[in-house]
Every structure is written in structure tokens, then in C-alpha cells.
Protein backbone atom coordinates (compact mmCIF):
# COMPACT_ATOMS: atom_id res chain seq x y z
CA MET A 1 128.53 146.11 133.46
CA ASN A 2 126.17 147.90 135.78
CA MET A 3 126.28 146.18 139.18
CA VAL A 4 124.35 147.56 142.15
CA GLU A 5 125.74 147.27 145.68
CA ASN A 6 123.12 146.49 148.31
CA THR A 7 123.17 147.23 152.02
CA ASN A 8 124.87 143.92 152.81
CA ASN A 9 127.84 144.82 150.60
CA VAL A 10 126.79 142.26 148.00
CA LEU A 11 126.93 143.17 144.33
CA THR A 12 123.88 142.10 142.35
CA VAL A 13 124.40 141.13 138.71
CA SER A 14 121.38 140.76 136.44
CA LEU A 15 120.98 138.91 133.18
CA TYR A 16 119.87 142.21 131.67
CA ASP A 17 123.26 143.74 132.58
CA ILE A 18 125.08 141.01 130.69
CA GLN A 19 122.68 141.10 127.75
CA GLN A 20 123.30 144.82 127.43
CA LYS A 21 127.06 144.36 127.59
CA HIS A 22 126.98 141.63 124.92
CA LYS A 23 124.28 143.41 122.92
CA ASP A 24 122.40 140.13 122.90
CA SER A 25 118.89 139.46 124.24
CA ASN A 26 119.14 135.64 124.24
CA ASP A 27 118.13 133.76 127.39
CA ILE A 28 121.35 131.74 127.12
CA LEU A 29 124.73 133.44 126.69
CA TYR A 30 128.29 132.16 126.46
CA SER A 31 131.50 133.59 127.91
CA SER A 32 135.09 132.37 128.03
CA ILE A 33 136.04 135.09 130.54
CA SER A 34 137.05 133.79 133.96
CA PRO A 35 134.27 134.59 136.48
CA GLU A 36 136.45 136.68 138.80
CA LYS A 37 137.20 138.98 135.85
CA LEU A 38 133.65 138.98 134.54
CA TYR A 39 132.18 139.74 137.97
CA SER A 40 134.71 142.12 139.57
CA GLY A 41 137.23 139.97 141.36
CA ASN A 42 136.71 138.86 144.95
CA GLN A 43 133.50 140.80 145.53
CA HIS A 44 130.55 139.06 147.14
CA LEU A 45 128.05 138.52 144.35
CA LYS A 46 124.43 137.62 143.81
CA LEU A 47 123.04 136.70 140.38
CA ASP A 48 119.49 136.64 139.05
CA PHE A 49 120.36 133.86 136.58
CA ILE A 50 122.04 130.44 136.58
CA SER A 51 125.74 130.28 135.79
CA ILE A 52 127.32 126.99 134.68
CA ILE A 53 131.12 127.22 134.55
CA PHE A 54 133.40 124.50 133.20
CA PHE A 55 137.02 124.86 134.32
CA GLU A 56 139.29 123.14 131.80
CA THR A 57 142.16 124.49 133.86
CA GLY A 58 142.20 126.58 137.00
CA PHE A 59 142.96 126.65 140.71
CA GLY A 60 141.52 128.57 143.64
CA THR A 61 138.45 128.70 145.84
CA LEU A 62 134.75 129.47 145.53
CA ARG A 63 132.52 130.42 148.46
CA ILE A 64 128.77 129.89 148.19
CA ASN A 65 126.69 131.09 151.14
CA GLU A 66 129.82 130.87 153.34
CA LYS A 67 130.64 127.30 152.29
CA LYS A 68 134.08 126.94 150.73
CA TYR A 69 134.78 124.83 147.62
CA SER A 70 138.08 124.14 145.88
CA ILE A 71 138.52 125.07 142.24
CA ASN A 72 140.48 122.56 140.17
CA ALA A 73 140.82 121.55 136.53
CA SER A 74 138.00 119.48 135.02
CA GLN A 75 135.26 120.78 137.30
CA ILE A 76 131.77 122.13 136.78
CA HIS A 77 130.58 124.93 139.09
CA ILE A 78 126.89 125.85 139.18
CA ILE A 79 125.76 129.14 140.72
CA PHE A 80 122.04 129.61 141.33
CA PRO A 81 120.14 132.89 141.69
CA ASN A 82 120.41 134.66 145.05
CA SER A 83 123.36 132.54 146.21
CA VAL A 84 125.89 134.91 147.77
CA HIS A 85 129.27 133.84 146.45
CA SER A 86 132.81 135.00 145.75
CA TRP A 87 135.67 133.79 143.58
CA ASN A 88 139.38 133.61 144.35
CA ILE A 89 141.11 132.19 141.29
CA LEU A 90 144.90 131.93 141.47
CA GLY A 91 146.84 132.39 138.25
CA SER A 92 145.39 131.83 134.81
CA SER A 93 142.44 129.63 134.00
CA LYS A 94 140.62 128.33 130.97
CA VAL A 95 136.87 128.37 131.37
CA HIS A 96 133.59 128.05 129.48
CA GLN A 97 130.58 129.71 131.04
CA LEU A 98 126.90 129.47 130.21
CA ILE A 99 124.67 132.24 131.53
CA ILE A 100 121.10 130.92 131.60
CA SER A 101 117.87 132.68 132.52
CA LYS A 102 115.81 131.16 135.33
CA ARG A 103 112.97 130.54 132.88
CA SER A 104 115.17 128.60 130.45
CA PHE A 105 116.80 126.52 133.17
CA ASP A 106 113.43 125.64 134.68
CA ASN A 107 112.24 124.56 131.24
CA PHE A 108 115.21 122.18 130.99
CA ILE A 109 114.62 120.83 134.50
CA ASN A 110 110.85 120.44 134.17
CA GLY A 111 110.73 119.15 130.63
CA GLN A 112 113.85 117.19 129.84
CA LEU A 113 116.17 116.39 132.73
CA SER A 114 116.21 113.41 135.07
CA LEU A 115 117.34 115.22 138.22
CA PRO A 116 115.35 117.77 140.23
CA LYS A 117 116.75 121.28 140.69
CA ARG A 118 117.36 120.51 144.35
CA ILE A 119 120.06 118.01 143.38
CA TYR A 120 122.00 120.54 141.30
CA LYS A 121 121.80 122.98 144.22
CA LYS A 122 123.03 120.25 146.56
CA TYR A 123 126.11 119.64 144.39
CA PRO A 124 127.25 123.01 143.00
CA VAL A 125 130.77 121.67 142.33
CA ILE A 126 131.18 118.46 140.34
CA SER A 127 134.44 116.77 139.39
CA ILE A 128 134.34 115.67 135.76
CA SER A 129 135.93 112.51 134.39
CA HIS A 130 138.27 112.90 131.42
CA PRO A 131 135.91 111.32 128.82
CA ILE A 132 132.98 113.51 129.90
CA GLY A 133 135.30 116.51 130.10
CA GLU A 134 136.22 116.08 126.44
CA LEU A 135 132.55 115.81 125.48
CA LEU A 136 131.70 118.92 127.50
CA ARG A 137 134.52 120.90 125.90
CA HIS A 138 133.21 119.95 122.46
CA GLU A 139 129.67 121.07 123.31
CA PHE A 140 130.83 124.36 124.83
CA MET A 141 133.00 125.06 121.76
CA ASP A 142 130.01 124.43 119.48
CA ILE A 143 128.04 127.02 121.46
CA LYS A 144 130.97 129.46 121.27
CA THR A 145 131.06 129.00 117.49
CA GLU A 146 127.39 129.93 117.25
CA PHE A 147 127.93 133.13 119.22
CA ASP A 148 131.05 134.02 117.23
CA ALA A 149 129.30 133.47 113.88
CA PRO A 150 125.53 133.18 114.39
CA SER A 151 123.65 130.88 112.04
CA CYS A 152 119.97 130.98 111.15
CA VAL A 153 119.33 128.15 113.60
CA MET A 154 121.50 129.54 116.39
CA ASN A 155 118.85 129.48 119.13
CA HIS A 156 117.92 125.88 118.35
CA ILE A 157 121.57 124.76 118.42
CA VAL A 158 122.40 126.65 121.62
CA ASN A 159 119.36 125.21 123.39
CA LEU A 160 120.15 121.68 122.20
CA LYS A 161 123.80 121.94 123.21
CA THR A 162 122.87 123.37 126.61
CA LYS A 163 120.51 120.47 127.19
CA ILE A 164 123.30 118.02 126.30
CA ILE A 165 125.72 119.79 128.66
CA ILE A 166 123.26 119.57 131.57
CA ASP A 167 122.64 115.90 130.73
CA TYR A 168 126.40 115.21 130.95
CA ILE A 169 126.53 117.03 134.29
CA SER A 170 123.61 114.89 135.49
CA GLN A 171 125.49 111.73 134.51
CA GLU A 172 128.53 112.81 136.52
CA ILE A 173 126.42 113.64 139.57
CA LYS A 174 124.87 110.17 139.42
CA THR A 175 128.32 108.59 139.07
CA ASN A 176 129.96 110.64 141.83
CA PHE A 177 127.21 110.41 144.45
CA GLU A 178 126.17 106.80 145.02
CA ASP A 179 123.40 107.65 147.49
CA LEU A 180 121.44 109.58 144.88
CA SER A 181 119.04 106.68 144.36
CA ALA A 182 117.72 107.38 147.87
CA TYR A 183 116.39 110.69 146.60
CA TYR A 184 113.80 108.86 144.52
CA LEU A 185 112.67 106.87 147.55
CA HIS A 186 112.26 110.00 149.63
CA PRO A 187 114.28 113.26 149.52
CA LEU A 188 114.70 113.23 153.31
CA LEU A 189 116.41 109.85 153.16
CA PHE A 190 118.90 111.22 150.67
CA GLU A 191 119.61 114.11 153.06
CA PHE A 192 119.90 111.63 155.93
CA LEU A 193 122.55 109.55 154.13
CA GLN A 194 124.54 112.65 153.25
CA LEU A 195 124.40 113.84 156.86
CA ILE A 196 125.71 110.49 158.10
CA LYS A 197 128.77 110.84 155.87
CA LYS A 198 129.31 114.39 157.06
CA GLU A 199 128.59 113.99 160.77
CA CYS A 200 129.34 110.36 161.61
CA ARG A 201 132.68 111.01 163.34
CA LYS A 202 131.00 113.24 165.91
CA ASN A 203 127.41 112.05 166.00
CA ILE A 204 125.65 108.67 165.80
CA MET A 205 122.47 109.68 167.64
CA VAL A 206 119.20 109.31 165.72
CA GLY A 207 117.67 112.28 167.53
CA SER A 208 120.43 114.63 166.39
CA TYR A 209 120.03 113.64 162.75
CA ALA A 210 116.25 113.95 162.96
CA LYS A 211 116.55 117.43 164.46
CA GLU A 212 118.86 118.56 161.65
CA LEU A 213 116.40 117.16 159.09
CA GLY A 214 113.52 118.99 160.79
CA ILE A 215 111.55 115.83 161.61
CA SER A 216 110.93 113.66 164.67
CA PRO A 217 113.08 110.57 165.43
CA ASN A 218 109.92 108.48 165.15
CA TYR A 219 109.20 109.73 161.61
CA LEU A 220 112.81 109.10 160.58
CA ASN A 221 112.45 105.54 161.84
CA ILE A 222 109.19 105.12 159.90
CA LEU A 223 110.88 106.28 156.67
CA CYS A 224 113.88 103.99 157.20
CA ARG A 225 111.72 100.98 157.96
CA LYS A 226 109.50 101.63 154.96
CA HIS A 227 112.24 102.18 152.36
CA PHE A 228 115.33 100.42 153.79
CA ASN A 229 113.70 97.78 156.00
CA LYS A 230 115.99 98.98 158.80
CA THR A 231 115.67 101.27 161.80
CA ALA A 232 117.37 104.65 161.60
CA ILE A 233 120.16 103.56 163.95
CA GLU A 234 120.72 100.44 161.83
CA VAL A 235 121.08 102.65 158.74
CA ILE A 236 123.58 104.86 160.60
CA HIS A 237 125.57 101.83 161.71
CA CYS A 238 125.52 100.32 158.22
CA LYS A 239 126.91 103.47 156.57
CA ILE A 240 129.54 103.95 159.28
CA ILE A 241 130.69 100.34 159.10
CA GLU A 242 131.21 100.71 155.34
CA MET A 243 133.60 103.61 156.00
CA ILE A 244 135.34 101.78 158.83
CA LYS A 245 135.98 98.75 156.60
CA PHE A 246 138.15 100.88 154.31
CA GLN A 247 140.07 102.29 157.29
CA LEU A 248 140.70 98.81 158.68
CA ILE A 249 142.28 97.79 155.38
CA ASP A 250 144.10 101.01 154.47
CA SER A 251 145.50 102.09 157.86
CA ASN A 252 147.46 100.63 160.73
CA ASP A 253 145.35 102.46 163.30
CA ASN A 254 144.37 100.58 166.43
CA ILE A 255 140.89 99.09 166.07
CA ARG A 256 139.76 100.55 169.38
CA ASP A 257 140.92 104.02 168.25
CA ILE A 258 139.03 103.66 164.96
CA ALA A 259 135.87 102.74 166.85
CA PHE A 260 136.17 105.75 169.16
CA ASP A 261 136.96 108.03 166.21
CA PHE A 262 133.61 107.04 164.67
CA GLY A 263 131.63 107.71 167.84
CA PHE A 264 131.50 104.26 169.45
CA LYS A 265 132.11 104.67 173.17
CA SER A 266 132.50 100.94 173.80
CA HIS A 267 134.88 98.67 171.88
CA ALA A 268 132.72 95.65 172.72
CA TYR A 269 129.59 97.36 171.35
CA PHE A 270 131.47 98.37 168.19
CA SER A 271 132.65 94.77 167.64
CA GLU A 272 129.08 93.53 168.11
CA ILE A 273 127.69 96.02 165.55
CA PHE A 274 130.51 95.31 163.10
CA LYS A 275 129.97 91.55 163.28
CA LYS A 276 126.21 92.02 162.87
CA ASN A 277 126.76 93.97 159.62
CA VAL A 278 129.78 92.16 158.17
CA GLY A 279 129.54 88.66 159.63
CA ILE A 280 133.01 88.63 161.23
CA THR A 281 134.83 90.68 163.86
CA PRO A 282 136.83 93.80 162.93
CA ARG A 283 140.10 92.01 163.70
CA SER A 284 139.15 89.02 161.53
CA PHE A 285 138.09 91.38 158.73
CA ARG A 286 141.43 93.18 158.83
CA GLU A 287 143.38 89.93 158.84
CA LYS A 288 141.34 88.50 155.98
CA TYR A 289 141.58 91.46 153.59
CA ARG A 290 145.11 92.66 154.33
CA LYS A 291 146.78 89.41 153.32
């Protein structure tokens, strides 16, 4: 495969390279070769196509634009064009990979799929349940069969099977990420809810979240009032309290320590917010649900 190294020490792989290697001009290609072998080991890579990889088995790490993801069995990994990434797969793995042109993927997204491209980029690694994993394996094997012994309707079958695979992935994203419905209210609210989960232990300030979202605190409040009928700080508190409820039940940690761990500087203020959201104090909640 002809890969060109750029000035940033990133190897660029084109769809044309792979088409030439496979002697196949299709916009969708299949490979069962593990990505670190297909794309030269631990090199930093950049593709000009979309790569969807299903790990039936495997263990290691994937870095995408400096963010680290674990590789485990029954996972889907999606690599988008121009994402700088590298693979570190330990031991043997069993994979199915679809190599899809940007044009074909956009056709699927724009014409047939229920989730915008932004969502797939947001979740490049998706854990797959066993039932969906079995269905995915079946669809990938059907595509492999077409490439091993092409039929007269190969392109139609490969396109149909690819659409089904992306539909299954969409189902798993919807199942795994409960806040996805917020995307349809307003994409910024979806980002806001994800940021709360990520940052809540070190930040409960509306201004900080607004700054990270690239909007003013006032506009964030307007969006929250319009779509959630709450202020932004009330949304933050609501999401944090949901996480704290699990910790109250599952741990023996001191309630005051839990409150401080989630950014509440005053135990009295935390108890007030908790009671406002749940209806009882944190201590009463723990006593009630740990019996």
C-alpha cells in the first residue's frame, strides 16, 4: 500500500491506495485484517475514507486526535476522514472492517439513517450487546461472502448490508447514551449534558460550561428554560443529583465527602438542593434505599 508521510509524521492512507491493493474500485470494501496490520502498526494515521471496524475479539488501545479509547471484544470503532489516530492491539484479534468512501457514507447519513454524522463522530467507540453483536457478525459475513465470490447483484447486497450494519450501530448508540434525545431538542443541549457528566466533579459553574460550549451563560439559560423548563444551574444540579443517588446507595462514603467530591462547598446547600430534587434529605434517601 502506498502511504505518504507528511510533515507532521502522519501517514495518509487513501481509498485509492486500498482499491489498488485489492484490485477493486468499489466505494465500499471489506477486510478481515486487523487495522494495525493493514495500516502499518502503531503509526499515526489519517484516512480519506470512513472505517467501521467490528472487534469480535481483541484488546488494546486506540487514540483518536490524542484521546485514548480502550479496545475490547464486541466493540465498534468508527474512524472518520482526517482524524489522526493510532492503534495498539495486544495479541490476536478477530475483526471485520468496512472501508467506505465519504460519498457513500454521506448518502447513507443523508438518505436513510436516523442519526446525524455528528453523533457518530461523538461516539467513535460503541460497546455492542451480545444480540446485536451476533446480528452484526452475520451481516459482515454476508458482505465477506460477496467479496470472496462476487454475484451479479454484489453492489446492491453490499450497500444493503452496510445500511443494516449502520442501523444496528445507531440502535446501540441510542441504547447506550440516554441523553441522545436532547440532540433533537438542540445539539448544544446534548453537548451540555455530556459535559456535565464529564466535568461535574470539578465544575458546577454555569459560566464555565457556557464558555466550553462557545455561548454566553444567558443563552444557555434561555435554551434550558425553553426545552427543559429549568435554569442551567437547575439542569446541572439535576444531573449531578442523579449520579449522587447511586453513590449514596452503592458506597459507604460519608455524605459530606460525596457532596464535596461533586463540587458542593457547603453540606447544608447540598442537602437543600438534594431535597429539592428528590423530596427527602440525602441521609433519608440512603436509609430508605439501603434497607
